[in-house]
Protein backbone atom coordinates (compact mmCIF):
# COMPACT_ATOMS: atom_id res chain seq x y z
CA UNK A 1 7.11 12.85 3.04
CA UNK A 2 8.46 9.08 1.96
CA UNK A 3 8.30 6.45 4.56
CA UNK A 4 10.22 3.42 3.60
CA UNK A 5 10.77 -0.10 4.79
CA UNK A 6 13.85 -1.74 3.10
CA UNK A 7 14.69 -5.57 3.87
CA UNK A 8 17.98 -7.46 3.37
CA UNK A 9 17.67 -10.84 2.41
CA UNK A 10 20.58 -12.71 3.80
CA UNK A 11 22.76 -15.97 3.82
CA UNK A 12 24.65 -17.19 6.66
CA UNK A 13 24.42 -18.89 10.06
CA UNK A 14 21.97 -17.79 12.71
CA UNK A 15 20.28 -14.51 12.94
CA UNK A 16 21.61 -10.95 13.13
CA UNK A 17 22.41 -9.80 16.47
CA UNK A 18 20.46 -6.70 18.01
CA UNK A 19 23.83 -4.92 18.52
CA UNK A 20 25.64 -5.90 15.49
CA UNK A 21 22.83 -4.69 13.17
CA UNK A 22 22.85 -1.18 15.11
CA UNK A 23 26.47 -1.25 14.78
CA UNK A 24 26.38 -1.49 11.10
CA UNK A 25 23.64 0.70 10.43
CA UNK A 26 25.27 3.32 12.61
CA UNK A 27 28.30 2.88 10.60
CA UNK A 28 26.27 3.79 7.39
CA UNK A 29 24.89 6.75 9.20
CA UNK A 30 28.20 8.15 10.20
CA UNK A 31 29.17 8.14 6.31
CA UNK A 32 25.90 9.49 4.98
CA UNK A 33 24.32 11.37 7.97
CA UNK A 34 26.15 12.00 11.14
CA UNK A 35 23.95 14.66 12.31
CA UNK A 36 21.46 12.13 13.06
CA UNK A 37 23.08 10.87 16.01
CA UNK A 38 22.38 14.62 17.50
CA UNK A 39 18.51 14.16 17.36
CA UNK A 40 16.31 13.23 20.06
CA UNK A 41 14.00 10.97 18.36
CA UNK A 42 15.31 8.64 15.95
CA UNK A 43 14.28 8.90 12.44
CA UNK A 44 14.72 5.14 11.45
CA UNK A 45 13.83 1.68 13.30
CA UNK A 46 15.66 -1.60 12.58
CA UNK A 47 14.61 -5.29 12.67
CA UNK A 48 15.54 -8.69 11.73
CA UNK A 49 13.79 -12.11 11.62
CA UNK A 50 13.73 -15.07 9.70
CA UNK A 51 15.21 -18.55 10.45
CA UNK A 52 18.37 -20.47 10.02
CA UNK A 53 19.80 -20.07 6.36
CA UNK A 54 17.09 -17.31 5.39
CA UNK A 55 17.38 -14.75 7.71
CA UNK A 56 16.78 -10.97 6.83
CA UNK A 57 17.36 -7.36 8.22
CA UNK A 58 15.32 -4.63 8.08
CA UNK A 59 15.91 -0.77 7.71
CA UNK A 60 12.86 1.41 8.14
CA UNK A 61 13.26 5.15 7.37
CA UNK A 62 11.00 8.04 8.78
CA UNK A 63 12.39 10.99 6.88
CA UNK A 64 12.57 11.06 2.90
CA UNK A 65 16.21 13.09 3.15
CA UNK A 66 17.57 10.19 5.16
CA UNK A 67 15.77 7.66 2.51
CA UNK A 68 17.45 9.75 -0.28
CA UNK A 69 21.05 9.41 1.28
CA UNK A 70 20.73 5.66 2.59
CA UNK A 71 18.75 3.72 -0.12
CA UNK A 72 21.38 3.93 -2.70
CA UNK A 73 23.98 2.72 -0.17
CA UNK A 74 21.78 0.08 1.03
CA UNK A 75 20.64 -1.29 -2.56
CA UNK A 76 24.32 -1.47 -3.12
CA UNK A 77 24.68 -4.12 -0.80
CA UNK A 78 23.37 -6.89 -2.86
CA UNK A 79 25.88 -9.32 -3.23
CA UNK A 80 28.20 -7.97 -0.57
CA UNK A 81 29.26 -9.39 2.95
CA UNK A 82 28.27 -7.45 5.97
CA UNK A 83 28.85 -8.24 9.49
CA UNK A 84 25.68 -8.21 11.69
CA UNK A 85 27.41 -9.87 14.84
CA UNK A 86 28.01 -12.70 12.57
CA UNK A 87 28.97 -12.47 8.77
CA UNK A 88 26.19 -12.67 6.12
CA UNK A 89 25.94 -12.37 2.46
CA UNK A 90 23.25 -9.87 1.24
CA UNK A 91 21.26 -11.80 -1.43
CA UNK A 92 18.85 -9.09 -2.14
CA UNK A 93 17.49 -5.80 -1.20
CA UNK A 94 13.92 -5.45 -1.18
CA UNK A 95 11.69 -2.35 -1.18
CA UNK A 96 8.50 -4.72 -1.91
CA UNK A 97 7.96 -8.39 -2.36
CA UNK A 98 8.54 -9.04 1.52
CA UNK A 99 5.91 -8.80 4.17
CA UNK A 100 8.00 -6.17 6.08
CA UNK A 101 9.05 -4.35 3.05
CA UNK A 102 7.25 -1.49 1.81
CA UNK A 103 6.75 2.17 0.99
CA UNK A 104 4.42 4.86 1.89
CA UNK A 105 3.87 8.67 2.46
CA UNK A 106 2.52 10.51 5.48
CA UNK A 107 -0.63 11.89 3.65
CA UNK A 108 -1.28 8.14 2.70
CA UNK A 109 -1.76 7.36 6.20
CA UNK A 110 -4.72 8.98 6.40
CA UNK A 111 -6.34 7.93 3.18
CA UNK A 112 -7.53 4.42 4.35
CA UNK A 113 -10.75 4.06 5.88
CA UNK A 114 -11.15 5.16 9.55
CA UNK A 115 -11.94 2.90 12.49
CA UNK A 116 -12.49 2.90 15.96
CA UNK A 117 -10.71 -0.38 16.27
CA UNK A 118 -6.95 -0.78 15.73
CA UNK A 119 -5.47 -4.68 15.78
CA UNK A 120 -1.71 -4.32 16.23
CA UNK A 121 0.57 -7.31 16.05
CA UNK A 122 3.94 -7.08 17.99
CA UNK A 123 6.19 -8.85 16.26
CA UNK A 124 9.33 -8.49 18.55
CA UNK A 125 9.34 -7.81 21.89
CA UNK A 126 7.92 -4.56 22.79
CA UNK A 127 8.57 -2.63 26.04
CA UNK A 128 8.59 1.27 27.16
CA UNK A 129 10.33 3.56 29.19
CA UNK A 130 8.22 3.93 32.23
CA UNK A 131 9.47 5.66 35.55
CA UNK A 132 12.95 4.78 34.64
CA UNK A 133 12.42 1.22 34.01
CA UNK A 134 11.40 -1.22 31.15
CA UNK A 135 7.87 -2.15 30.97
CA UNK A 136 6.72 -4.62 28.99
CA UNK A 137 2.52 -4.09 28.75
CA UNK A 138 1.15 -2.30 25.68
CA UNK A 139 -1.25 -0.23 27.37
CA UNK A 140 -2.97 2.10 25.08
CA UNK A 141 -1.75 5.42 26.31
CA UNK A 142 2.13 4.12 25.93
CA UNK A 143 1.32 2.62 22.35
CA UNK A 144 -0.41 5.69 21.08
CA UNK A 145 1.84 8.42 22.50
CA UNK A 146 4.90 6.59 21.11
CA UNK A 147 3.17 6.74 17.68
CA UNK A 148 2.19 10.31 18.04
CA UNK A 149 5.57 11.66 19.20
CA UNK A 150 7.26 9.84 16.22
CA UNK A 151 4.87 10.82 13.46
CA UNK A 152 4.60 14.33 14.64
CA UNK A 153 8.60 14.64 14.76
CA UNK A 154 9.12 13.69 11.32
CA UNK A 155 5.58 14.20 9.59
CA UNK A 156 3.66 17.34 8.40
CA UNK A 157 0.66 16.98 10.57
CA UNK A 158 0.09 17.68 14.27
CA UNK A 159 -2.78 15.99 16.15
CA UNK A 160 -5.32 18.52 16.92
CA UNK A 161 -5.63 18.64 20.94
CA UNK A 162 -9.10 17.22 21.30
CA UNK A 163 -8.00 14.12 18.86
CA UNK A 164 -4.83 13.85 20.98
CA UNK A 165 -6.68 13.70 24.29
CA UNK A 166 -9.35 11.32 23.04
CA UNK A 167 -6.48 8.82 21.95
CA UNK A 168 -4.52 8.99 25.21
CA UNK A 169 -7.50 9.44 27.57
CA UNK A 170 -10.14 7.31 26.15
CA UNK A 171 -8.57 4.31 24.01
CA UNK A 172 -9.39 1.14 25.79
CA UNK A 173 -8.25 -2.66 25.00
CA UNK A 174 -10.99 -4.59 23.44
CA UNK A 175 -8.56 -7.85 23.33
CA UNK A 176 -5.30 -9.02 24.11
CA UNK A 177 -3.40 -12.42 23.10
CA UNK A 178 0.27 -12.64 23.80
CA UNK A 179 3.19 -13.11 26.17
CA UNK A 180 6.42 -11.58 27.29
CA UNK A 181 9.79 -12.68 26.00
CA UNK A 182 13.46 -11.78 26.92
CA UNK A 183 15.17 -8.79 25.07
CA UNK A 184 18.88 -8.30 24.89
CA UNK A 185 19.42 -4.77 26.30
CA UNK A 186 22.00 -3.60 28.55
CA UNK A 187 19.74 -4.64 31.43
CA UNK A 188 17.43 -7.51 31.95
CA UNK A 189 14.52 -6.66 29.91
CA UNK A 190 11.32 -8.43 28.91
CA UNK A 191 8.94 -7.17 25.91
CA UNK A 192 5.24 -8.23 24.79
CA UNK A 193 4.83 -10.10 21.65
CA UNK A 194 1.33 -10.84 20.44
CA UNK A 195 -1.93 -9.27 19.52
CA UNK A 196 -4.07 -6.38 20.87
CA UNK A 197 -7.26 -4.76 19.56
CA UNK A 198 -7.47 -1.13 20.78
CA UNK A 199 -10.75 0.52 20.74
CA UNK A 200 -11.82 4.20 20.87
CA UNK A 201 -15.42 4.39 22.17
CA UNK A 202 -17.86 7.15 20.72
CA UNK A 203 -14.79 8.06 18.09
CA UNK A 204 -15.69 10.95 15.83
CA UNK A 205 -14.34 10.41 12.09
CA UNK A 206 -11.49 12.29 12.63
CA UNK A 207 -10.36 10.76 15.87
CA UNK A 208 -10.98 7.15 14.11
CA UNK A 209 -9.06 8.45 11.05
CA UNK A 210 -6.17 9.53 13.47
CA UNK A 211 -6.08 6.05 15.35
CA UNK A 212 -6.11 4.01 11.81
CA UNK A 213 -3.09 6.47 10.61
CA UNK A 214 -1.20 5.66 13.62
CA UNK A 215 -1.54 1.83 13.02
CA UNK A 216 -0.35 2.11 9.56
CA UNK A 217 2.73 4.45 10.72
CA UNK A 218 3.61 1.72 13.26
CA UNK A 219 4.62 -0.34 10.52
CA UNK A 220 7.35 2.00 9.72
CA UNK A 221 8.28 3.64 13.06
CA UNK A 222 8.08 0.35 15.37
CA UNK A 223 6.66 1.21 19.06
CA UNK A 224 8.30 1.95 22.25
CA UNK A 225 11.97 1.69 23.06
CA UNK A 226 15.10 0.67 21.71
CA UNK A 227 13.68 0.26 17.99
CA UNK A 228 17.23 0.75 17.07
CA UNK A 229 17.87 -2.80 18.34
CA UNK A 230 15.10 -4.46 16.37
CA UNK A 231 12.46 -4.12 19.30
CA UNK A 232 8.98 -2.86 19.10
CA UNK A 233 8.44 -4.01 15.29
CA UNK A 234 4.67 -3.97 14.77
CA UNK A 235 2.10 -3.75 12.41
CA UNK A 236 -1.76 -3.15 12.02
CA UNK A 237 -3.88 -6.25 10.96
C-alpha cells in the first residue's frame, strides 16, 4: 500500500519536455510492467520543474507493486544520461530531501487531523475533461471526483456513499487565487495554476477526514487530465 514520489535531479539545458518525459517513462513501463498500458486509470503521475541548469523530473507511483518494479530501475539511473526531449544527466534520484519527493501509505493518508477546509496549491497547469473539451477551472466536484476515482482505483478503501455525496455535492470554494497558463497537449489547452481553499460546511468528522485525506493523496496522484504529461501537479498546504 505504498505511495511514492521519486525526483530525478538533472543536469542539462532547459527543462524536460512533457512528451519527452512521458516517452521515457513509457519505455521503462514496457520493460517492467507492460500490462499498465491496458488499465483505465494510470497508476502513476509525472512532473517536472526547476530552472536552467537545475531541472528535475518526477515519477509518482500509486501502486506498491509498480513501485517495487520501477524504483530499482529509477535509482540505477544515477549518473546516466536520459532523453526527456533533450538529453540530461541524472545527478541524483531522491525519495526524500526534495519538496516534491516523498513516501507514504494509503492508511497514513487518513491519520492526519481532519479539517473542513482543504487548501490545494496547483503547481502545474490543471484541467479536466468536461463535455469533450479541456476545462481549466478547478471546481470542487471536478477536483474531488478526480481524486476519489484514483484513490478508490488503487487504494484499499471506498468512500461511504454519504461521504461521497457530501464531498461532491456540498463542497464549496472559500477562496481562489491564480490564473490560467497554456498547456502543451495535442490541442490548444489552458490549465489553472494557483491556490484554492475548498470548504465543506457542517462536515462530520468522517467527512472532514476524507476531505483531508484526499488533499494528502493529491501530492502523489495529481489532479485532472494529462497527469502523464506533468499536468495537474498539486499539493495540500
